[in-house]
């Protein structure tokens, strides 16, 4: 019995990348040692509540999220489902 599966069509691969790419990109930029250092510095500076939004940690994470925005996942998933259904039929 062969376990080789055919490669999915390029449109499905592209849609999967669109669906998951932003998350993978963010994860590569979330460097925990930097986050912990920035969080410590903010706590040491007394930045809590609304003031925390001016701190290094918040601005570091916000910068990543702003530069790699989360797409409309529901729409992409719906498009992916349609592509899969079309390729099976």
C-alpha atoms as a PDB file:
ATOM      1  CA  UNK A   1       0.000   0.000   0.000  1.00  0.00           C
ATOM      2  CA  UNK A   2       1.458   3.352  -1.053  1.00  0.00           C
ATOM      3  CA  UNK A   3       1.332   6.338   1.286  1.00  0.00           C
ATOM      4  CA  UNK A   4       2.216   8.827  -1.426  1.00  0.00           C
ATOM      5  CA  UNK A   5      -0.531  11.396  -1.747  1.00  0.00           C
ATOM      6  CA  UNK A   6      -0.857  13.651  -4.760  1.00  0.00           C
ATOM      7  CA  UNK A   7       0.153  17.256  -4.216  1.00  0.00           C
ATOM      8  CA  UNK A   8      -2.796  19.593  -3.781  1.00  0.00           C
ATOM      9  CA  UNK A   9      -3.531  22.026  -6.603  1.00  0.00           C
ATOM     10  CA  UNK A  10      -1.491  25.258  -6.526  1.00  0.00           C
ATOM     11  CA  UNK A  11      -4.605  27.344  -5.789  1.00  0.00           C
ATOM     12  CA  UNK A  12      -5.212  25.348  -2.596  1.00  0.00           C
ATOM     13  CA  UNK A  13      -1.572  25.631  -1.540  1.00  0.00           C
ATOM     14  CA  UNK A  14      -1.698  29.402  -2.099  1.00  0.00           C
ATOM     15  CA  UNK A  15      -4.925  29.711  -0.093  1.00  0.00           C
ATOM     16  CA  UNK A  16      -3.431  27.644   2.762  1.00  0.00           C
ATOM     17  CA  UNK A  17      -0.408  29.954   2.771  1.00  0.00           C
ATOM     18  CA  UNK A  18      -2.717  32.961   2.865  1.00  0.00           C
ATOM     19  CA  UNK A  19      -4.669  31.403   5.724  1.00  0.00           C
ATOM     20  CA  UNK A  20      -1.641  30.485   7.854  1.00  0.00           C
ATOM     21  CA  UNK A  21       1.217  32.634   6.568  1.00  0.00           C
ATOM     22  CA  UNK A  22       0.520  35.693   8.727  1.00  0.00           C
ATOM     23  CA  UNK A  23       0.556  33.588  11.888  1.00  0.00           C
ATOM     24  CA  UNK A  24       3.805  31.863  10.982  1.00  0.00           C
ATOM     25  CA  UNK A  25       5.417  35.201  10.118  1.00  0.00           C
ATOM     26  CA  UNK A  26       4.420  36.695  13.472  1.00  0.00           C
ATOM     27  CA  UNK A  27       5.710  33.672  15.381  1.00  0.00           C
ATOM     28  CA  UNK A  28       9.123  34.131  13.762  1.00  0.00           C
ATOM     29  CA  UNK A  29       9.262  37.713  15.046  1.00  0.00           C
ATOM     30  CA  UNK A  30       8.012  36.998  18.584  1.00  0.00           C
ATOM     31  CA  UNK A  31      11.373  36.534  20.260  1.00  0.00           C
ATOM     32  CA  UNK A  32      10.611  35.583  23.842  1.00  0.00           C
ATOM     33  CA  UNK A  33      13.891  36.858  25.317  1.00  0.00           C
ATOM     34  CA  UNK A  34      13.218  40.334  23.875  1.00  0.00           C
ATOM     35  CA  UNK A  35       9.650  40.251  25.128  1.00  0.00           C
ATOM     36  CA  UNK A  36      10.668  39.312  28.656  1.00  0.00           C
ATOM     37  CA  UNK A  37      13.362  41.978  28.782  1.00  0.00           C
ATOM     38  CA  UNK A  38      10.958  44.652  27.575  1.00  0.00           C
ATOM     39  CA  UNK A  39       8.254  43.475  29.965  1.00  0.00           C
ATOM     40  CA  UNK A  40      10.678  43.610  32.888  1.00  0.00           C
ATOM     41  CA  UNK A  41      11.789  47.123  31.934  1.00  0.00           C
ATOM     42  CA  UNK A  42       8.161  48.279  31.725  1.00  0.00           C
ATOM     43  CA  UNK A  43       7.273  46.763  35.094  1.00  0.00           C
ATOM     44  CA  UNK A  44      10.404  48.291  36.621  1.00  0.00           C
ATOM     45  CA  UNK A  45       9.328  51.667  35.212  1.00  0.00           C
ATOM     46  CA  UNK A  46       5.885  51.247  36.823  1.00  0.00           C
ATOM     47  CA  UNK A  47       3.956  51.024  33.570  1.00  0.00           C
ATOM     48  CA  UNK A  48       0.598  49.397  34.328  1.00  0.00           C
ATOM     49  CA  UNK A  49      -2.951  49.855  33.058  1.00  0.00           C
ATOM     50  CA  UNK A  50      -3.274  52.375  30.230  1.00  0.00           C
ATOM     51  CA  UNK A  51       0.332  53.520  30.782  1.00  0.00           C
ATOM     52  CA  UNK A  52       1.498  50.052  29.734  1.00  0.00           C
ATOM     53  CA  UNK A  53       0.412  50.921  26.184  1.00  0.00           C
ATOM     54  CA  UNK A  54       3.343  53.346  26.030  1.00  0.00           C
ATOM     55  CA  UNK A  55       5.846  50.737  27.189  1.00  0.00           C
ATOM     56  CA  UNK A  56       8.481  48.858  25.225  1.00  0.00           C
ATOM     57  CA  UNK A  57       6.731  45.489  25.461  1.00  0.00           C
ATOM     58  CA  UNK A  58       3.372  46.718  24.155  1.00  0.00           C
ATOM     59  CA  UNK A  59       4.962  48.765  21.369  1.00  0.00           C
ATOM     60  CA  UNK A  60       7.167  45.806  20.347  1.00  0.00           C
ATOM     61  CA  UNK A  61       4.190  43.441  20.033  1.00  0.00           C
ATOM     62  CA  UNK A  62       1.958  46.092  18.457  1.00  0.00           C
ATOM     63  CA  UNK A  63       4.638  46.812  15.851  1.00  0.00           C
ATOM     64  CA  UNK A  64       4.693  43.153  14.833  1.00  0.00           C
ATOM     65  CA  UNK A  65       0.905  42.899  14.735  1.00  0.00           C
ATOM     66  CA  UNK A  66       0.629  46.126  12.728  1.00  0.00           C
ATOM     67  CA  UNK A  67       3.292  45.063  10.211  1.00  0.00           C
ATOM     68  CA  UNK A  68       1.739  41.601   9.765  1.00  0.00           C
ATOM     69  CA  UNK A  69      -2.027  42.138   9.990  1.00  0.00           C
ATOM     70  CA  UNK A  70      -4.397  39.252  10.576  1.00  0.00           C
ATOM     71  CA  UNK A  71      -6.449  38.647   7.437  1.00  0.00           C
ATOM     72  CA  UNK A  72     -10.155  37.883   7.332  1.00  0.00           C
ATOM     73  CA  UNK A  73      -9.710  34.237   8.289  1.00  0.00           C
ATOM     74  CA  UNK A  74     -13.385  33.310   7.877  1.00  0.00           C
ATOM     75  CA  UNK A  75     -13.436  34.543   4.268  1.00  0.00           C
ATOM     76  CA  UNK A  76     -10.173  32.794   3.410  1.00  0.00           C
ATOM     77  CA  UNK A  77     -11.412  29.560   5.008  1.00  0.00           C
ATOM     78  CA  UNK A  78     -14.618  29.779   2.978  1.00  0.00           C
ATOM     79  CA  UNK A  79     -12.621  30.314  -0.221  1.00  0.00           C
ATOM     80  CA  UNK A  80     -10.363  27.388   0.678  1.00  0.00           C
ATOM     81  CA  UNK A  81     -13.358  25.136   1.341  1.00  0.00           C
ATOM     82  CA  UNK A  82     -14.776  26.072  -2.087  1.00  0.00           C
ATOM     83  CA  UNK A  83     -11.465  25.285  -3.806  1.00  0.00           C
ATOM     84  CA  UNK A  84     -11.236  21.917  -2.057  1.00  0.00           C
ATOM     85  CA  UNK A  85     -14.827  21.052  -2.961  1.00  0.00           C
ATOM     86  CA  UNK A  86     -14.202  22.035  -6.589  1.00  0.00           C
ATOM     87  CA  UNK A  87     -11.032  19.940  -6.790  1.00  0.00           C
ATOM     88  CA  UNK A  88     -12.806  16.881  -5.389  1.00  0.00           C
ATOM     89  CA  UNK A  89     -15.748  17.104  -7.757  1.00  0.00           C
END
